[in-house]
């Protein structure tokens, strides 16, 4: 099952239970990449600091 089929199934199940459907696939990709880039830059600029 690919991601689109999974999203369709999750949306159907949410509708059956009267719940809010999940966000479409890829909706938050840009935000995730931006955060990863920010963390990488912080790590490169200060490699000895932070443990996470």
PDB file of N, CA and C in Angstrom:
ATOM      1  N   UNK A   1       0.858  -1.174   0.000  1.00  0.00           N
ATOM      2  CA  UNK A   1       0.000   0.000   0.000  1.00  0.00           C
ATOM      3  C   UNK A   1       0.907   1.240   0.000  1.00  0.00           C
ATOM      4  N   UNK A   2       0.624   2.135  -0.909  1.00  0.00           N
ATOM      5  CA  UNK A   2       1.432   3.350  -0.950  1.00  0.00           C
ATOM      6  C   UNK A   2       0.803   4.429  -0.057  1.00  0.00           C
ATOM      7  N   UNK A   3       1.477   5.568   0.024  1.00  0.00           N
ATOM      8  CA  UNK A   3       1.065   6.620   0.961  1.00  0.00           C
ATOM      9  C   UNK A   3      -0.289   7.222   0.596  1.00  0.00           C
ATOM     10  N   UNK A   4      -0.588   7.305  -0.694  1.00  0.00           N
ATOM     11  CA  UNK A   4      -1.875   7.868  -1.114  1.00  0.00           C
ATOM     12  C   UNK A   4      -3.020   6.927  -0.725  1.00  0.00           C
ATOM     13  N   UNK A   5      -2.819   5.634  -0.938  1.00  0.00           N
ATOM     14  CA  UNK A   5      -3.837   4.663  -0.544  1.00  0.00           C
ATOM     15  C   UNK A   5      -4.045   4.667   0.969  1.00  0.00           C
ATOM     16  N   UNK A   6      -2.952   4.771   1.731  1.00  0.00           N
ATOM     17  CA  UNK A   6      -3.065   4.821   3.182  1.00  0.00           C
ATOM     18  C   UNK A   6      -3.828   6.052   3.628  1.00  0.00           C
ATOM     19  N   UNK A   7      -3.558   7.188   2.983  1.00  0.00           N
ATOM     20  CA  UNK A   7      -4.266   8.424   3.325  1.00  0.00           C
ATOM     21  C   UNK A   7      -5.759   8.294   3.025  1.00  0.00           C
ATOM     22  N   UNK A   8      -6.094   7.683   1.891  1.00  0.00           N
ATOM     23  CA  UNK A   8      -7.505   7.482   1.543  1.00  0.00           C
ATOM     24  C   UNK A   8      -8.191   6.590   2.579  1.00  0.00           C
ATOM     25  N   UNK A   9      -7.519   5.533   3.002  1.00  0.00           N
ATOM     26  CA  UNK A   9      -8.084   4.629   4.002  1.00  0.00           C
ATOM     27  C   UNK A   9      -8.260   5.342   5.347  1.00  0.00           C
ATOM     28  N   UNK A  10      -7.248   6.100   5.763  1.00  0.00           N
ATOM     29  CA  UNK A  10      -7.340   6.838   7.026  1.00  0.00           C
ATOM     30  C   UNK A  10      -8.453   7.888   6.976  1.00  0.00           C
ATOM     31  N   UNK A  11      -8.600   8.545   5.824  1.00  0.00           N
ATOM     32  CA  UNK A  11      -9.667   9.546   5.671  1.00  0.00           C
ATOM     33  C   UNK A  11     -11.038   8.887   5.745  1.00  0.00           C
ATOM     34  N   UNK A  12     -11.172   7.742   5.114  1.00  0.00           N
ATOM     35  CA  UNK A  12     -12.442   7.009   5.150  1.00  0.00           C
ATOM     36  C   UNK A  12     -12.787   6.592   6.580  1.00  0.00           C
ATOM     37  N   UNK A  13     -11.806   6.048   7.276  1.00  0.00           N
ATOM     38  CA  UNK A  13     -12.049   5.620   8.663  1.00  0.00           C
ATOM     39  C   UNK A  13     -12.408   6.810   9.554  1.00  0.00           C
ATOM     40  N   UNK A  14     -11.739   7.929   9.351  1.00  0.00           N
ATOM     41  CA  UNK A  14     -12.042   9.124  10.145  1.00  0.00           C
ATOM     42  C   UNK A  14     -13.471   9.584   9.872  1.00  0.00           C
ATOM     43  N   UNK A  15     -13.890   9.540   8.617  1.00  0.00           N
ATOM     44  CA  UNK A  15     -15.253   9.951   8.262  1.00  0.00           C
ATOM     45  C   UNK A  15     -16.278   9.012   8.899  1.00  0.00           C
ATOM     46  N   UNK A  16     -15.976   7.736   8.943  1.00  0.00           N
ATOM     47  CA  UNK A  16     -16.887   6.758   9.542  1.00  0.00           C
ATOM     48  C   UNK A  16     -17.062   6.980  11.037  1.00  0.00           C
ATOM     49  N   UNK A  17     -16.020   7.489  11.695  1.00  0.00           N
ATOM     50  CA  UNK A  17     -16.063   7.704  13.143  1.00  0.00           C
ATOM     51  C   UNK A  17     -16.348   9.151  13.514  1.00  0.00           C
ATOM     52  N   UNK A  18     -16.582   9.995  12.513  1.00  0.00           N
ATOM     53  CA  UNK A  18     -16.878  11.396  12.785  1.00  0.00           C
ATOM     54  C   UNK A  18     -15.675  12.179  13.290  1.00  0.00           C
ATOM     55  N   UNK A  19     -14.484  11.763  12.902  1.00  0.00           N
ATOM     56  CA  UNK A  19     -13.254  12.417  13.335  1.00  0.00           C
ATOM     57  C   UNK A  19     -12.708  13.319  12.232  1.00  0.00           C
ATOM     58  N   UNK A  20     -11.758  14.141  12.585  1.00  0.00           N
ATOM     59  CA  UNK A  20     -11.105  15.018  11.620  1.00  0.00           C
ATOM     60  C   UNK A  20     -10.172  14.173  10.750  1.00  0.00           C
ATOM     61  N   UNK A  21     -10.223  14.338   9.432  1.00  0.00           N
ATOM     62  CA  UNK A  21      -9.325  13.542   8.577  1.00  0.00           C
ATOM     63  C   UNK A  21      -7.866  13.983   8.739  1.00  0.00           C
ATOM     64  N   UNK A  22      -6.942  13.095   8.449  1.00  0.00           N
ATOM     65  CA  UNK A  22      -5.523  13.435   8.569  1.00  0.00           C
ATOM     66  C   UNK A  22      -5.117  14.438   7.484  1.00  0.00           C
ATOM     67  N   UNK A  23      -4.024  15.175   7.700  1.00  0.00           N
ATOM     68  CA  UNK A  23      -3.559  16.095   6.653  1.00  0.00           C
ATOM     69  C   UNK A  23      -3.076  15.309   5.439  1.00  0.00           C
ATOM     70  N   UNK A  24      -3.143  15.905   4.264  1.00  0.00           N
ATOM     71  CA  UNK A  24      -2.673  15.194   3.068  1.00  0.00           C
ATOM     72  C   UNK A  24      -1.180  14.884   3.149  1.00  0.00           C
ATOM     73  N   UNK A  25      -0.744  13.828   2.482  1.00  0.00           N
ATOM     74  CA  UNK A  25       0.674  13.475   2.507  1.00  0.00           C
ATOM     75  C   UNK A  25       1.531  14.607   1.954  1.00  0.00           C
ATOM     76  N   UNK A  26       2.641  14.870   2.615  1.00  0.00           N
ATOM     77  CA  UNK A  26       3.568  15.887   2.156  1.00  0.00           C
ATOM     78  C   UNK A  26       3.232  17.291   2.598  1.00  0.00           C
ATOM     79  N   UNK A  27       2.184  17.463   3.342  1.00  0.00           N
ATOM     80  CA  UNK A  27       1.754  18.805   3.732  1.00  0.00           C
ATOM     81  C   UNK A  27       2.787  19.526   4.600  1.00  0.00           C
ATOM     82  N   UNK A  28       3.463  18.785   5.455  1.00  0.00           N
ATOM     83  CA  UNK A  28       4.409  19.402   6.386  1.00  0.00           C
ATOM     84  C   UNK A  28       5.867  19.170   5.996  1.00  0.00           C
ATOM     85  N   UNK A  29       6.098  18.675   4.791  1.00  0.00           N
ATOM     86  CA  UNK A  29       7.466  18.374   4.372  1.00  0.00           C
ATOM     87  C   UNK A  29       8.364  19.604   4.406  1.00  0.00           C
ATOM     88  N   UNK A  30       7.871  20.728   3.932  1.00  0.00           N
ATOM     89  CA  UNK A  30       8.689  21.944   3.881  1.00  0.00           C
ATOM     90  C   UNK A  30       9.103  22.373   5.290  1.00  0.00           C
ATOM     91  N   UNK A  31       8.166  22.315   6.226  1.00  0.00           N
ATOM     92  CA  UNK A  31       8.483  22.700   7.606  1.00  0.00           C
ATOM     93  C   UNK A  31       9.505  21.757   8.230  1.00  0.00           C
ATOM     94  N   UNK A  32       9.371  20.468   7.956  1.00  0.00           N
ATOM     95  CA  UNK A  32      10.316  19.490   8.496  1.00  0.00           C
ATOM     96  C   UNK A  32      11.706  19.723   7.928  1.00  0.00           C
ATOM     97  N   UNK A  33      11.802  19.941   6.617  1.00  0.00           N
ATOM     98  CA  UNK A  33      13.102  20.198   6.012  1.00  0.00           C
ATOM     99  C   UNK A  33      13.726  21.485   6.530  1.00  0.00           C
ATOM    100  N   UNK A  34      12.919  22.506   6.726  1.00  0.00           N
ATOM    101  CA  UNK A  34      13.422  23.772   7.253  1.00  0.00           C
ATOM    102  C   UNK A  34      14.005  23.571   8.659  1.00  0.00           C
ATOM    103  N   UNK A  35      13.310  22.811   9.489  1.00  0.00           N
ATOM    104  CA  UNK A  35      13.785  22.554  10.849  1.00  0.00           C
ATOM    105  C   UNK A  35      15.070  21.714  10.838  1.00  0.00           C
ATOM    106  N   UNK A  36      15.140  20.720   9.971  1.00  0.00           N
ATOM    107  CA  UNK A  36      16.350  19.912   9.874  1.00  0.00           C
ATOM    108  C   UNK A  36      17.540  20.757   9.412  1.00  0.00           C
ATOM    109  N   UNK A  37      17.299  21.642   8.465  1.00  0.00           N
ATOM    110  CA  UNK A  37      18.365  22.521   7.976  1.00  0.00           C
ATOM    111  C   UNK A  37      18.834  23.454   9.094  1.00  0.00           C
ATOM    112  N   UNK A  38      17.880  23.968   9.882  1.00  0.00           N
ATOM    113  CA  UNK A  38      18.232  24.855  10.993  1.00  0.00           C
ATOM    114  C   UNK A  38      19.080  24.109  12.025  1.00  0.00           C
ATOM    115  N   UNK A  39      18.671  22.890  12.357  1.00  0.00           N
ATOM    116  CA  UNK A  39      19.437  22.105  13.335  1.00  0.00           C
ATOM    117  C   UNK A  39      20.825  21.764  12.812  1.00  0.00           C
ATOM    118  N   UNK A  40      20.926  21.461  11.528  1.00  0.00           N
ATOM    119  CA  UNK A  40      22.219  21.152  10.937  1.00  0.00           C
ATOM    120  C   UNK A  40      23.147  22.354  11.000  1.00  0.00           C
ATOM    121  N   UNK A  41      22.611  23.517  10.662  1.00  0.00           N
ATOM    122  CA  UNK A  41      23.427  24.729  10.711  1.00  0.00           C
ATOM    123  C   UNK A  41      23.914  25.013  12.129  1.00  0.00           C
ATOM    124  N   UNK A  42      23.042  24.835  13.110  1.00  0.00           N
ATOM    125  CA  UNK A  42      23.457  25.043  14.499  1.00  0.00           C
ATOM    126  C   UNK A  42      24.562  24.065  14.884  1.00  0.00           C
ATOM    127  N   UNK A  43      24.448  22.830  14.436  1.00  0.00           N
ATOM    128  CA  UNK A  43      25.440  21.802  14.759  1.00  0.00           C
ATOM    129  C   UNK A  43      26.778  22.127  14.103  1.00  0.00           C
ATOM    130  N   UNK A  44      26.742  22.629  12.876  1.00  0.00           N
ATOM    131  CA  UNK A  44      27.985  22.948  12.166  1.00  0.00           C
ATOM    132  C   UNK A  44      28.644  24.185  12.770  1.00  0.00           C
ATOM    133  N   UNK A  45      27.848  25.171  13.126  1.00  0.00           N
ATOM    134  CA  UNK A  45      28.405  26.403  13.689  1.00  0.00           C
ATOM    135  C   UNK A  45      28.976  26.185  15.087  1.00  0.00           C
ATOM    136  N   UNK A  46      28.334  25.306  15.891  1.00  0.00           N
ATOM    137  CA  UNK A  46      28.787  25.032  17.253  1.00  0.00           C
ATOM    138  C   UNK A  46      28.835  23.527  17.468  1.00  0.00           C
ATOM    139  N   UNK A  47      29.827  22.855  16.916  1.00  0.00           N
ATOM    140  CA  UNK A  47      29.835  21.382  16.958  1.00  0.00           C
ATOM    141  C   UNK A  47      30.002  20.774  18.350  1.00  0.00           C
ATOM    142  N   UNK A  48      30.587  21.487  19.297  1.00  0.00           N
ATOM    143  CA  UNK A  48      30.820  20.911  20.622  1.00  0.00           C
ATOM    144  C   UNK A  48      29.688  21.119  21.608  1.00  0.00           C
ATOM    145  N   UNK A  49      28.690  21.917  21.245  1.00  0.00           N
ATOM    146  CA  UNK A  49      27.613  22.243  22.174  1.00  0.00           C
ATOM    147  C   UNK A  49      26.379  21.385  21.904  1.00  0.00           C
ATOM    148  N   UNK A  50      25.580  21.241  22.911  1.00  0.00           N
ATOM    149  CA  UNK A  50      24.316  20.522  22.767  1.00  0.00           C
ATOM    150  C   UNK A  50      24.504  19.030  22.721  1.00  0.00           C
ATOM    151  N   UNK A  51      23.529  18.336  23.267  1.00  0.00           N
ATOM    152  CA  UNK A  51      23.605  16.887  23.260  1.00  0.00           C
ATOM    153  C   UNK A  51      22.549  16.248  22.400  1.00  0.00           C
ATOM    154  N   UNK A  52      21.650  17.055  21.835  1.00  0.00           N
ATOM    155  CA  UNK A  52      20.534  16.473  21.116  1.00  0.00           C
ATOM    156  C   UNK A  52      20.576  16.698  19.710  1.00  0.00           C
TER     157      UNK A  52
END
